[in-house]
Each structure stands twice: as C-alpha cells, then as structure tokens.
Amino acid sequence: MPAVDPSVPTATRTFAGLEFQVPMPYSEGHALTAGEAAWLNSNLASVIGNAYSGDIRRAEAAKKGSTKTWDHAAKFAAKYEGYVLGESNRGGKGTGGTDVVAALARTLATIELKRKLVAAGHKPGALMKVKNADGVSKFNELLDALIARDGEHFTAQAQAQIADMDTQPEDDLFAGLTETTEVEAPVAAE
C-alpha cells in the first residue's frame, strides 16, 4: 500500500475491540491500478460467493435436499447480477447506502405491513421465520409486494417527514465533529 496523503479522509473502525482511524483513499471517479482492480474483483467474488453459500445453507436448513434441483450456475449468476456494490444486499430488496428517503419509506412500509397482518389475525414474527427455497422470508416477500404496489405512497410519506425534519432549527449535536475526530481513551487507574 502506498503512503497515504494526510489530507485523505479517514473513518473510525474497530478491530479486536480497538478503534483506529483508517484512511479512505478511494473516491468516486478514482482510476484503479491493476492491483486495485484485481483485489476488488476478488473481494466482490468472495462477497457474492459467501452470500450464495448462505442461500444454500438456509434452504438446506429449511428443507433437507432442497437445493439438489437448483440450477446453481443460473442462481449464482442472478445473485451476481442483483448485487449492488456499496448497498446492503441482505434480505428482501434492501435500501442500502445513505438513501434516507428509501430507508424511511421501507421502514414505513414495514410498519404498515405489520399493522395490516395483525389486523388480519396473522403474526408477523411467524411469517419472518417461514422461508422460501431462496431463503427469503414470507414477511419480506409480502413487504416487497406491498412496496411494489404502494411504494410511491410510502416514498411520499418519507419525503414529507424528512422535509419536516429539514425545517427544524439547527442544533449543536455535531458541533466540532469532523471525520477525523479522535476519542480519548480513559486513563487507567494506577
């Protein structure tokens, strides 16, 4: 790894219970070197391979032998095609990244789905445990269907709530905060 310019942004990461300021040298538009491209491609393959392995484990745990009839090459290709770099790709469709409107819209849809299920006499928790052959819960299937049907409504609600928050006076919660703010460790008693 080349020496990192001190002006490069950092992020706090915790490893083995210790916090470190880790340089974040890559930004949008960065031209990759051959080594960087090879490393990213290898890590991407590992992430998708691990996610697909999880799909297999969950399907097998739900019903022994259920993956014997799968077209693994096609399912892996679909997993790869559906993966969005930099977003959460766990469960359901995900909202990922820092799209607060999409995240809030999904949260509102989740609350509405739970309300509707309870009103209809169903138990949301039980539906979260029922998984299809791909390891997706019945709850997430219903949530994705609700969002597909009423997504514009939930997005409008989320936008209105966020717009309302944006009109609130600024507070001093983040005064003095920078990406390189260090946390002082407590002094050990002697």
N, C-alpha and C. Protein backbone atom coordinates (compact mmCIF):
# COMPACT_ATOMS: atom_id res chain seq x y z
N MET A 1 0.86 -1.17 0.00
CA MET A 1 0.00 0.00 0.00
C MET A 1 0.90 1.23 0.00
N PRO A 2 0.65 2.14 -0.90
CA PRO A 2 1.48 3.35 -0.93
C PRO A 2 1.20 4.23 0.28
N ALA A 3 2.11 5.16 0.54
CA ALA A 3 1.91 6.11 1.63
C ALA A 3 0.64 6.92 1.34
N VAL A 4 -0.14 7.19 2.38
CA VAL A 4 -1.40 7.90 2.22
C VAL A 4 -1.21 9.36 2.58
N ASP A 5 -1.67 10.23 1.71
CA ASP A 5 -1.60 11.66 1.95
C ASP A 5 -2.40 11.99 3.21
N PRO A 6 -1.86 12.82 4.10
CA PRO A 6 -2.57 13.15 5.35
C PRO A 6 -3.92 13.85 5.14
N SER A 7 -4.15 14.40 3.95
CA SER A 7 -5.42 15.08 3.69
C SER A 7 -6.54 14.11 3.32
N VAL A 8 -6.19 12.83 3.16
CA VAL A 8 -7.19 11.82 2.80
C VAL A 8 -8.16 11.64 3.96
N PRO A 9 -9.48 11.59 3.67
CA PRO A 9 -10.45 11.38 4.76
C PRO A 9 -10.21 10.04 5.45
N THR A 10 -10.60 9.97 6.71
CA THR A 10 -10.50 8.73 7.46
C THR A 10 -11.86 8.39 8.06
N ALA A 11 -11.98 7.16 8.49
CA ALA A 11 -13.19 6.71 9.19
C ALA A 11 -12.75 5.89 10.39
N THR A 12 -13.51 5.94 11.44
CA THR A 12 -13.19 5.16 12.62
C THR A 12 -13.70 3.74 12.43
N ARG A 13 -12.82 2.78 12.61
CA ARG A 13 -13.18 1.38 12.53
C ARG A 13 -12.66 0.69 13.78
N THR A 14 -13.38 -0.34 14.23
CA THR A 14 -12.99 -1.07 15.43
C THR A 14 -12.55 -2.48 15.04
N PHE A 15 -11.34 -2.84 15.47
CA PHE A 15 -10.80 -4.17 15.24
C PHE A 15 -10.27 -4.68 16.57
N ALA A 16 -10.65 -5.89 16.93
CA ALA A 16 -10.21 -6.51 18.18
C ALA A 16 -10.50 -5.60 19.38
N GLY A 17 -11.64 -4.89 19.29
CA GLY A 17 -12.04 -4.02 20.39
C GLY A 17 -11.29 -2.70 20.45
N LEU A 18 -10.44 -2.41 19.50
CA LEU A 18 -9.66 -1.17 19.47
C LEU A 18 -10.12 -0.31 18.30
N GLU A 19 -10.22 0.99 18.51
CA GLU A 19 -10.64 1.90 17.45
C GLU A 19 -9.42 2.45 16.72
N PHE A 20 -9.53 2.50 15.39
CA PHE A 20 -8.46 3.03 14.56
C PHE A 20 -9.04 4.03 13.56
N GLN A 21 -8.23 5.02 13.19
CA GLN A 21 -8.58 5.93 12.11
C GLN A 21 -8.00 5.33 10.83
N VAL A 22 -8.88 4.85 9.95
CA VAL A 22 -8.47 4.15 8.74
C VAL A 22 -8.61 5.09 7.55
N PRO A 23 -7.54 5.27 6.77
CA PRO A 23 -7.64 6.12 5.58
C PRO A 23 -8.67 5.56 4.59
N MET A 24 -9.40 6.43 3.96
CA MET A 24 -10.37 6.07 2.93
C MET A 24 -9.91 6.74 1.62
N PRO A 25 -8.88 6.16 0.97
CA PRO A 25 -8.25 6.84 -0.17
C PRO A 25 -9.04 6.78 -1.48
N TYR A 26 -10.06 5.94 -1.55
CA TYR A 26 -10.77 5.78 -2.82
C TYR A 26 -12.04 6.61 -2.83
N SER A 27 -12.24 7.32 -3.90
CA SER A 27 -13.44 8.14 -4.04
C SER A 27 -14.00 7.92 -5.44
N GLU A 28 -15.22 8.37 -5.62
CA GLU A 28 -15.88 8.24 -6.92
C GLU A 28 -14.99 8.84 -8.00
N GLY A 29 -14.82 8.10 -9.08
CA GLY A 29 -14.02 8.57 -10.20
C GLY A 29 -12.56 8.16 -10.12
N HIS A 30 -12.15 7.50 -9.02
CA HIS A 30 -10.77 7.06 -8.84
C HIS A 30 -10.41 6.07 -9.95
N ALA A 31 -9.27 6.29 -10.61
CA ALA A 31 -8.79 5.35 -11.63
C ALA A 31 -8.05 4.23 -10.93
N LEU A 32 -8.51 3.00 -11.14
CA LEU A 32 -7.92 1.85 -10.46
C LEU A 32 -6.62 1.41 -11.09
N THR A 33 -5.69 1.01 -10.25
CA THR A 33 -4.48 0.36 -10.75
C THR A 33 -4.84 -1.10 -11.00
N ALA A 34 -3.94 -1.83 -11.64
CA ALA A 34 -4.19 -3.26 -11.91
C ALA A 34 -4.36 -4.02 -10.60
N GLY A 35 -3.53 -3.72 -9.61
CA GLY A 35 -3.62 -4.40 -8.32
C GLY A 35 -4.93 -4.11 -7.60
N GLU A 36 -5.37 -2.84 -7.64
CA GLU A 36 -6.63 -2.47 -7.01
C GLU A 36 -7.80 -3.19 -7.68
N ALA A 37 -7.77 -3.23 -9.02
CA ALA A 37 -8.85 -3.90 -9.75
C ALA A 37 -8.89 -5.39 -9.42
N ALA A 38 -7.73 -6.03 -9.36
CA ALA A 38 -7.67 -7.46 -9.04
C ALA A 38 -8.20 -7.70 -7.62
N TRP A 39 -7.81 -6.85 -6.68
CA TRP A 39 -8.26 -7.00 -5.30
C TRP A 39 -9.76 -6.79 -5.19
N LEU A 40 -10.30 -5.76 -5.83
CA LEU A 40 -11.74 -5.51 -5.80
C LEU A 40 -12.52 -6.65 -6.44
N ASN A 41 -12.06 -7.16 -7.58
CA ASN A 41 -12.75 -8.27 -8.24
C ASN A 41 -12.74 -9.52 -7.36
N SER A 42 -11.62 -9.78 -6.71
CA SER A 42 -11.52 -10.94 -5.83
C SER A 42 -12.47 -10.79 -4.64
N ASN A 43 -12.51 -9.61 -4.04
CA ASN A 43 -13.40 -9.39 -2.90
C ASN A 43 -14.86 -9.43 -3.31
N LEU A 44 -15.19 -8.89 -4.47
CA LEU A 44 -16.55 -8.95 -4.96
C LEU A 44 -16.99 -10.40 -5.15
N ALA A 45 -16.12 -11.21 -5.74
CA ALA A 45 -16.44 -12.63 -5.93
C ALA A 45 -16.64 -13.32 -4.58
N SER A 46 -15.82 -12.98 -3.59
CA SER A 46 -15.97 -13.58 -2.26
C SER A 46 -17.27 -13.18 -1.60
N VAL A 47 -17.63 -11.90 -1.68
CA VAL A 47 -18.86 -11.42 -1.06
C VAL A 47 -20.07 -12.13 -1.66
N ILE A 48 -20.10 -12.19 -2.98
CA ILE A 48 -21.25 -12.82 -3.65
C ILE A 48 -21.25 -14.33 -3.41
N GLY A 49 -20.07 -14.94 -3.44
CA GLY A 49 -19.97 -16.37 -3.17
C GLY A 49 -20.42 -16.71 -1.75
N ASN A 50 -20.03 -15.89 -0.79
CA ASN A 50 -20.46 -16.12 0.59
C ASN A 50 -21.97 -15.93 0.74
N ALA A 51 -22.51 -14.92 0.07
CA ALA A 51 -23.96 -14.69 0.13
C ALA A 51 -24.70 -15.87 -0.49
N TYR A 52 -24.21 -16.38 -1.62
CA TYR A 52 -24.86 -17.53 -2.26
C TYR A 52 -24.74 -18.78 -1.40
N SER A 53 -23.60 -18.96 -0.77
CA SER A 53 -23.43 -20.09 0.15
C SER A 53 -24.44 -20.01 1.28
N GLY A 54 -24.70 -18.79 1.76
CA GLY A 54 -25.71 -18.59 2.81
C GLY A 54 -27.09 -18.97 2.32
N ASP A 55 -27.40 -18.64 1.06
CA ASP A 55 -28.69 -19.03 0.48
C ASP A 55 -28.84 -20.55 0.50
N ILE A 56 -27.76 -21.24 0.13
CA ILE A 56 -27.79 -22.70 0.11
C ILE A 56 -27.98 -23.26 1.53
N ARG A 57 -27.22 -22.73 2.49
CA ARG A 57 -27.33 -23.21 3.87
C ARG A 57 -28.74 -23.00 4.43
N ARG A 58 -29.31 -21.81 4.17
CA ARG A 58 -30.66 -21.54 4.68
C ARG A 58 -31.70 -22.44 4.02
N ALA A 59 -31.57 -22.66 2.73
CA ALA A 59 -32.52 -23.53 2.03
C ALA A 59 -32.40 -24.96 2.53
N GLU A 60 -31.18 -25.43 2.74
CA GLU A 60 -30.97 -26.79 3.23
C GLU A 60 -31.48 -26.94 4.66
N ALA A 61 -31.30 -25.90 5.47
CA ALA A 61 -31.78 -25.97 6.85
C ALA A 61 -33.31 -25.99 6.88
N ALA A 62 -33.94 -25.30 5.94
CA ALA A 62 -35.40 -25.27 5.90
C ALA A 62 -35.96 -26.60 5.40
N LYS A 63 -35.30 -27.20 4.42
CA LYS A 63 -35.80 -28.46 3.86
C LYS A 63 -34.61 -29.22 3.28
N LYS A 64 -34.23 -30.28 3.93
CA LYS A 64 -33.06 -31.07 3.51
C LYS A 64 -33.18 -31.50 2.05
N GLY A 65 -32.10 -31.30 1.32
CA GLY A 65 -32.05 -31.72 -0.07
C GLY A 65 -32.74 -30.79 -1.05
N SER A 66 -33.22 -29.66 -0.57
CA SER A 66 -34.00 -28.78 -1.45
C SER A 66 -33.15 -28.12 -2.53
N THR A 67 -31.84 -28.10 -2.37
CA THR A 67 -31.00 -27.43 -3.37
C THR A 67 -30.50 -28.38 -4.46
N LYS A 68 -30.84 -29.66 -4.35
CA LYS A 68 -30.37 -30.64 -5.34
C LYS A 68 -30.92 -30.36 -6.74
N THR A 69 -32.08 -29.74 -6.80
CA THR A 69 -32.70 -29.47 -8.10
C THR A 69 -32.40 -28.05 -8.61
N TRP A 70 -31.64 -27.30 -7.87
CA TRP A 70 -31.33 -25.92 -8.28
C TRP A 70 -30.41 -25.90 -9.48
N ASP A 71 -30.59 -24.92 -10.32
CA ASP A 71 -29.62 -24.62 -11.38
C ASP A 71 -28.65 -23.63 -10.74
N HIS A 72 -27.59 -24.16 -10.11
CA HIS A 72 -26.69 -23.32 -9.32
C HIS A 72 -26.02 -22.24 -10.17
N ALA A 73 -25.63 -22.58 -11.39
CA ALA A 73 -24.97 -21.58 -12.24
C ALA A 73 -25.91 -20.41 -12.50
N ALA A 74 -27.18 -20.69 -12.78
CA ALA A 74 -28.14 -19.63 -13.07
C ALA A 74 -28.45 -18.82 -11.80
N LYS A 75 -28.60 -19.51 -10.67
CA LYS A 75 -28.90 -18.80 -9.42
C LYS A 75 -27.72 -17.93 -8.99
N PHE A 76 -26.49 -18.44 -9.18
CA PHE A 76 -25.32 -17.64 -8.83
C PHE A 76 -25.24 -16.42 -9.76
N ALA A 77 -25.49 -16.63 -11.03
CA ALA A 77 -25.47 -15.51 -11.98
C ALA A 77 -26.51 -14.46 -11.62
N ALA A 78 -27.69 -14.91 -11.19
CA ALA A 78 -28.74 -13.98 -10.77
C ALA A 78 -28.32 -13.23 -9.51
N LYS A 79 -27.67 -13.93 -8.59
CA LYS A 79 -27.18 -13.30 -7.36
C LYS A 79 -26.16 -12.22 -7.71
N TYR A 80 -25.26 -12.55 -8.62
CA TYR A 80 -24.23 -11.60 -9.05
C TYR A 80 -24.87 -10.39 -9.73
N GLU A 81 -25.81 -10.66 -10.62
CA GLU A 81 -26.47 -9.59 -11.36
C GLU A 81 -27.28 -8.67 -10.43
N GLY A 82 -27.86 -9.25 -9.39
CA GLY A 82 -28.68 -8.46 -8.48
C GLY A 82 -27.90 -7.73 -7.40
N TYR A 83 -26.60 -8.01 -7.31
CA TYR A 83 -25.79 -7.39 -6.27
C TYR A 83 -25.51 -5.93 -6.62
N VAL A 84 -25.66 -5.05 -5.64
CA VAL A 84 -25.38 -3.63 -5.86
C VAL A 84 -24.23 -3.25 -4.94
N LEU A 85 -23.09 -2.94 -5.52
CA LEU A 85 -21.90 -2.60 -4.76
C LEU A 85 -22.15 -1.36 -3.91
N GLY A 86 -21.82 -1.44 -2.64
CA GLY A 86 -21.97 -0.31 -1.73
C GLY A 86 -23.32 -0.23 -1.06
N GLU A 87 -24.21 -1.19 -1.32
CA GLU A 87 -25.52 -1.22 -0.69
C GLU A 87 -25.67 -2.50 0.11
N SER A 88 -26.57 -2.45 1.07
CA SER A 88 -26.90 -3.66 1.80
C SER A 88 -27.69 -4.55 0.86
N ASN A 89 -27.26 -5.79 0.73
CA ASN A 89 -27.93 -6.74 -0.15
C ASN A 89 -28.51 -7.89 0.65
N ARG A 90 -28.79 -7.64 1.93
CA ARG A 90 -29.32 -8.69 2.81
C ARG A 90 -30.82 -8.61 2.85
N GLY A 91 -31.45 -9.75 2.84
CA GLY A 91 -32.90 -9.85 3.00
C GLY A 91 -33.66 -8.96 2.05
N GLY A 92 -34.79 -9.35 1.61
CA GLY A 92 -35.65 -8.51 0.77
C GLY A 92 -34.88 -7.79 -0.31
N LYS A 93 -35.32 -6.64 -0.67
CA LYS A 93 -34.67 -5.86 -1.70
C LYS A 93 -33.64 -4.90 -1.12
N GLY A 94 -33.75 -4.57 0.15
CA GLY A 94 -32.80 -3.66 0.77
C GLY A 94 -32.96 -2.24 0.27
N THR A 95 -32.41 -1.32 0.99
CA THR A 95 -32.45 0.07 0.58
C THR A 95 -31.05 0.58 0.39
N GLY A 96 -30.16 0.09 1.22
CA GLY A 96 -28.77 0.36 1.06
C GLY A 96 -28.30 1.78 1.22
N GLY A 97 -26.99 1.88 1.36
CA GLY A 97 -26.31 3.15 1.35
C GLY A 97 -26.91 4.20 2.26
N THR A 98 -26.87 5.44 1.79
CA THR A 98 -27.33 6.56 2.60
C THR A 98 -28.59 7.17 2.02
N ASP A 99 -29.37 6.42 1.27
CA ASP A 99 -30.63 6.93 0.72
C ASP A 99 -31.66 6.92 1.84
N VAL A 100 -31.71 8.03 2.60
CA VAL A 100 -32.58 8.06 3.77
C VAL A 100 -34.05 8.03 3.39
N VAL A 101 -34.40 8.56 2.23
CA VAL A 101 -35.81 8.51 1.81
C VAL A 101 -36.22 7.06 1.57
N ALA A 102 -35.40 6.31 0.84
CA ALA A 102 -35.72 4.90 0.58
C ALA A 102 -35.74 4.09 1.87
N ALA A 103 -34.78 4.36 2.76
CA ALA A 103 -34.74 3.63 4.03
C ALA A 103 -35.98 3.92 4.87
N LEU A 104 -36.37 5.19 4.96
CA LEU A 104 -37.55 5.55 5.73
C LEU A 104 -38.82 5.02 5.07
N ALA A 105 -38.89 5.06 3.75
CA ALA A 105 -40.06 4.52 3.05
C ALA A 105 -40.21 3.03 3.34
N ARG A 106 -39.10 2.30 3.35
CA ARG A 106 -39.15 0.86 3.66
C ARG A 106 -39.57 0.64 5.11
N THR A 107 -39.09 1.48 6.01
CA THR A 107 -39.49 1.37 7.41
C THR A 107 -40.99 1.62 7.57
N LEU A 108 -41.49 2.65 6.89
CA LEU A 108 -42.93 2.95 6.95
C LEU A 108 -43.74 1.79 6.37
N ALA A 109 -43.26 1.21 5.28
CA ALA A 109 -43.95 0.07 4.68
C ALA A 109 -43.94 -1.13 5.63
N THR A 110 -42.82 -1.33 6.32
CA THR A 110 -42.71 -2.43 7.28
C THR A 110 -43.72 -2.25 8.41
N ILE A 111 -43.82 -1.04 8.93
CA ILE A 111 -44.79 -0.76 10.00
C ILE A 111 -46.21 -1.01 9.50
N GLU A 112 -46.51 -0.55 8.30
CA GLU A 112 -47.84 -0.73 7.73
C GLU A 112 -48.15 -2.21 7.50
N LEU A 113 -47.18 -2.97 7.01
CA LEU A 113 -47.39 -4.40 6.79
C LEU A 113 -47.68 -5.10 8.12
N LYS A 114 -46.90 -4.79 9.15
CA LYS A 114 -47.14 -5.41 10.46
C LYS A 114 -48.54 -5.05 10.96
N ARG A 115 -48.94 -3.80 10.81
CA ARG A 115 -50.27 -3.37 11.25
C ARG A 115 -51.36 -4.15 10.51
N LYS A 116 -51.22 -4.28 9.20
CA LYS A 116 -52.21 -4.99 8.39
C LYS A 116 -52.27 -6.47 8.74
N LEU A 117 -51.10 -7.08 8.96
CA LEU A 117 -51.05 -8.50 9.31
C LEU A 117 -51.75 -8.76 10.64
N VAL A 118 -51.46 -7.95 11.64
CA VAL A 118 -52.08 -8.12 12.96
C VAL A 118 -53.59 -7.92 12.85
N ALA A 119 -54.00 -6.90 12.10
CA ALA A 119 -55.44 -6.63 11.93
C ALA A 119 -56.14 -7.81 11.25
N ALA A 120 -55.40 -8.55 10.40
CA ALA A 120 -55.97 -9.70 9.70
C ALA A 120 -55.82 -10.99 10.50
N GLY A 121 -55.25 -10.88 11.72
CA GLY A 121 -55.12 -12.05 12.58
C GLY A 121 -53.86 -12.87 12.37
N HIS A 122 -52.86 -12.30 11.68
CA HIS A 122 -51.60 -13.01 11.44
C HIS A 122 -50.53 -12.53 12.39
N LYS A 123 -49.49 -13.34 12.55
CA LYS A 123 -48.37 -12.99 13.42
C LYS A 123 -47.15 -12.68 12.55
N PRO A 124 -46.74 -11.40 12.50
CA PRO A 124 -45.59 -11.03 11.68
C PRO A 124 -44.34 -11.84 11.99
N GLY A 125 -44.06 -12.08 13.28
CA GLY A 125 -42.87 -12.84 13.65
C GLY A 125 -42.85 -14.24 13.07
N ALA A 126 -44.02 -14.87 13.02
CA ALA A 126 -44.10 -16.22 12.46
C ALA A 126 -43.80 -16.19 10.96
N LEU A 127 -44.29 -15.15 10.27
CA LEU A 127 -44.04 -15.04 8.83
C LEU A 127 -42.59 -14.71 8.51
N MET A 128 -41.87 -14.13 9.48
CA MET A 128 -40.44 -13.85 9.29
C MET A 128 -39.63 -15.14 9.33
N LYS A 129 -40.19 -16.18 9.96
CA LYS A 129 -39.48 -17.46 10.08
C LYS A 129 -39.74 -18.39 8.91
N VAL A 130 -40.83 -18.18 8.18
CA VAL A 130 -41.17 -19.02 7.03
C VAL A 130 -40.36 -18.55 5.84
N LYS A 131 -39.52 -19.43 5.29
CA LYS A 131 -38.62 -19.05 4.18
C LYS A 131 -38.97 -19.84 2.92
N ASN A 132 -38.77 -19.18 1.77
CA ASN A 132 -38.95 -19.89 0.50
C ASN A 132 -37.64 -20.62 0.15
N ALA A 133 -37.59 -21.23 -1.00
CA ALA A 133 -36.42 -22.02 -1.40
C ALA A 133 -35.17 -21.16 -1.54
N ASP A 134 -35.34 -19.86 -1.74
CA ASP A 134 -34.20 -18.96 -1.85
C ASP A 134 -33.79 -18.36 -0.51
N GLY A 135 -34.47 -18.76 0.58
CA GLY A 135 -34.13 -18.28 1.90
C GLY A 135 -34.75 -16.93 2.26
N VAL A 136 -35.68 -16.44 1.43
CA VAL A 136 -36.35 -15.16 1.69
C VAL A 136 -37.61 -15.43 2.50
N SER A 137 -37.81 -14.67 3.57
CA SER A 137 -38.96 -14.90 4.42
C SER A 137 -40.26 -14.50 3.73
N LYS A 138 -41.35 -15.13 4.15
CA LYS A 138 -42.67 -14.77 3.64
C LYS A 138 -42.97 -13.31 3.97
N PHE A 139 -42.51 -12.86 5.14
CA PHE A 139 -42.70 -11.47 5.53
C PHE A 139 -42.03 -10.54 4.50
N ASN A 140 -40.78 -10.83 4.13
CA ASN A 140 -40.08 -9.98 3.16
C ASN A 140 -40.72 -10.06 1.78
N GLU A 141 -41.25 -11.23 1.40
CA GLU A 141 -41.97 -11.33 0.13
C GLU A 141 -43.18 -10.39 0.15
N LEU A 142 -43.94 -10.43 1.26
CA LEU A 142 -45.11 -9.56 1.39
C LEU A 142 -44.70 -8.08 1.42
N LEU A 143 -43.61 -7.80 2.10
CA LEU A 143 -43.12 -6.42 2.18
C LEU A 143 -42.73 -5.92 0.80
N ASP A 144 -42.01 -6.73 0.04
CA ASP A 144 -41.62 -6.33 -1.31
C ASP A 144 -42.85 -6.12 -2.19
N ALA A 145 -43.87 -6.97 -2.03
CA ALA A 145 -45.11 -6.82 -2.80
C ALA A 145 -45.83 -5.54 -2.41
N LEU A 146 -45.87 -5.23 -1.12
CA LEU A 146 -46.51 -4.00 -0.65
C LEU A 146 -45.78 -2.78 -1.20
N ILE A 147 -44.46 -2.81 -1.19
CA ILE A 147 -43.68 -1.69 -1.71
C ILE A 147 -43.87 -1.56 -3.21
N ALA A 148 -43.94 -2.70 -3.92
CA ALA A 148 -44.17 -2.65 -5.37
C ALA A 148 -45.53 -2.03 -5.67
N ARG A 149 -46.51 -2.35 -4.84
CA ARG A 149 -47.87 -1.83 -5.06
C ARG A 149 -48.04 -0.39 -4.60
N ASP A 150 -47.52 -0.08 -3.40
CA ASP A 150 -47.79 1.23 -2.77
C ASP A 150 -46.52 2.03 -2.50
N GLY A 151 -45.45 1.71 -3.20
CA GLY A 151 -44.16 2.36 -2.95
C GLY A 151 -44.18 3.87 -3.09
N GLU A 152 -44.94 4.37 -4.07
CA GLU A 152 -45.00 5.83 -4.26
C GLU A 152 -45.60 6.50 -3.03
N HIS A 153 -46.60 5.87 -2.44
CA HIS A 153 -47.24 6.41 -1.23
C HIS A 153 -46.23 6.48 -0.08
N PHE A 154 -45.47 5.39 0.15
CA PHE A 154 -44.50 5.36 1.24
C PHE A 154 -43.36 6.34 0.99
N THR A 155 -42.94 6.47 -0.27
CA THR A 155 -41.88 7.42 -0.61
C THR A 155 -42.35 8.84 -0.35
N ALA A 156 -43.58 9.15 -0.71
CA ALA A 156 -44.12 10.50 -0.47
C ALA A 156 -44.18 10.79 1.04
N GLN A 157 -44.63 9.80 1.83
CA GLN A 157 -44.65 9.96 3.29
C GLN A 157 -43.25 10.23 3.82
N ALA A 158 -42.29 9.45 3.35
CA ALA A 158 -40.91 9.60 3.82
C ALA A 158 -40.36 10.97 3.44
N GLN A 159 -40.61 11.39 2.21
CA GLN A 159 -40.13 12.71 1.78
C GLN A 159 -40.73 13.82 2.63
N ALA A 160 -42.02 13.70 2.95
CA ALA A 160 -42.68 14.72 3.76
C ALA A 160 -42.08 14.76 5.16
N GLN A 161 -41.84 13.59 5.75
CA GLN A 161 -41.26 13.56 7.10
C GLN A 161 -39.85 14.13 7.11
N ILE A 162 -39.07 13.80 6.10
CA ILE A 162 -37.70 14.30 6.04
C ILE A 162 -37.71 15.81 5.77
N ALA A 163 -38.60 16.27 4.92
CA ALA A 163 -38.72 17.71 4.67
C ALA A 163 -39.08 18.44 5.96
N ASP A 164 -39.95 17.84 6.77
CA ASP A 164 -40.33 18.44 8.05
C ASP A 164 -39.11 18.51 8.98
N MET A 165 -38.30 17.47 8.98
CA MET A 165 -37.09 17.48 9.81
C MET A 165 -36.13 18.55 9.35
N ASP A 166 -36.03 18.75 8.02
CA ASP A 166 -35.10 19.74 7.47
C ASP A 166 -35.48 21.16 7.84
N THR A 167 -36.74 21.41 8.22
CA THR A 167 -37.14 22.76 8.57
C THR A 167 -36.91 23.06 10.04
N GLN A 168 -36.47 22.07 10.79
CA GLN A 168 -36.21 22.28 12.21
C GLN A 168 -34.94 23.11 12.36
N PRO A 169 -34.88 23.95 13.39
CA PRO A 169 -33.66 24.74 13.61
C PRO A 169 -32.46 23.82 13.83
N GLU A 170 -31.31 24.29 13.42
CA GLU A 170 -30.09 23.50 13.63
C GLU A 170 -29.82 23.37 15.12
N ASP A 171 -29.25 22.23 15.50
CA ASP A 171 -28.85 22.07 16.89
C ASP A 171 -27.34 21.90 16.93
N ASP A 172 -26.79 21.85 18.11
CA ASP A 172 -25.34 21.78 18.25
C ASP A 172 -24.83 20.35 18.47
N LEU A 173 -25.64 19.35 18.13
CA LEU A 173 -25.26 17.96 18.34
C LEU A 173 -23.92 17.63 17.68
N PHE A 174 -23.68 18.17 16.48
CA PHE A 174 -22.46 17.83 15.74
C PHE A 174 -21.42 18.93 15.76
N ALA A 175 -21.55 19.89 16.63
CA ALA A 175 -20.59 20.99 16.71
C ALA A 175 -19.19 20.43 16.97
N GLY A 176 -18.27 20.82 16.16
CA GLY A 176 -16.88 20.40 16.32
C GLY A 176 -16.56 19.01 15.81
N LEU A 177 -17.54 18.30 15.30
CA LEU A 177 -17.32 16.94 14.82
C LEU A 177 -16.70 16.98 13.44
N THR A 178 -15.63 16.21 13.24
CA THR A 178 -15.04 16.02 11.93
C THR A 178 -14.85 14.54 11.72
N GLU A 179 -14.58 14.15 10.51
CA GLU A 179 -14.37 12.73 10.22
C GLU A 179 -13.12 12.19 10.90
N THR A 180 -12.24 13.08 11.35
CA THR A 180 -11.01 12.61 11.98
C THR A 180 -11.00 12.88 13.48
N THR A 181 -12.18 13.16 14.04
CA THR A 181 -12.26 13.38 15.48
C THR A 181 -11.78 12.13 16.21
N GLU A 182 -10.86 12.32 17.15
CA GLU A 182 -10.34 11.19 17.90
C GLU A 182 -11.05 11.11 19.24
N VAL A 183 -11.23 9.90 19.70
CA VAL A 183 -11.83 9.67 21.00
C VAL A 183 -10.71 9.40 21.98
N GLU A 184 -10.70 10.16 23.07
CA GLU A 184 -9.66 9.94 24.07
C GLU A 184 -9.99 8.69 24.88
N ALA A 185 -8.98 7.87 25.05
CA ALA A 185 -9.14 6.65 25.84
C ALA A 185 -9.13 7.02 27.32
N PRO A 186 -9.95 6.34 28.13
CA PRO A 186 -9.94 6.64 29.56
C PRO A 186 -8.57 6.29 30.16
N VAL A 187 -8.17 7.06 31.13
CA VAL A 187 -6.88 6.82 31.80
C VAL A 187 -7.08 5.69 32.79
N ALA A 188 -6.21 4.69 32.72
CA ALA A 188 -6.31 3.53 33.61
C ALA A 188 -5.92 3.92 35.03
N ALA A 189 -6.61 3.35 36.01
CA ALA A 189 -6.28 3.61 37.42
C ALA A 189 -4.96 2.93 37.74
N GLU A 190 -4.19 3.60 38.55
CA GLU A 190 -2.88 3.02 38.89
C GLU A 190 -2.93 2.23 40.16
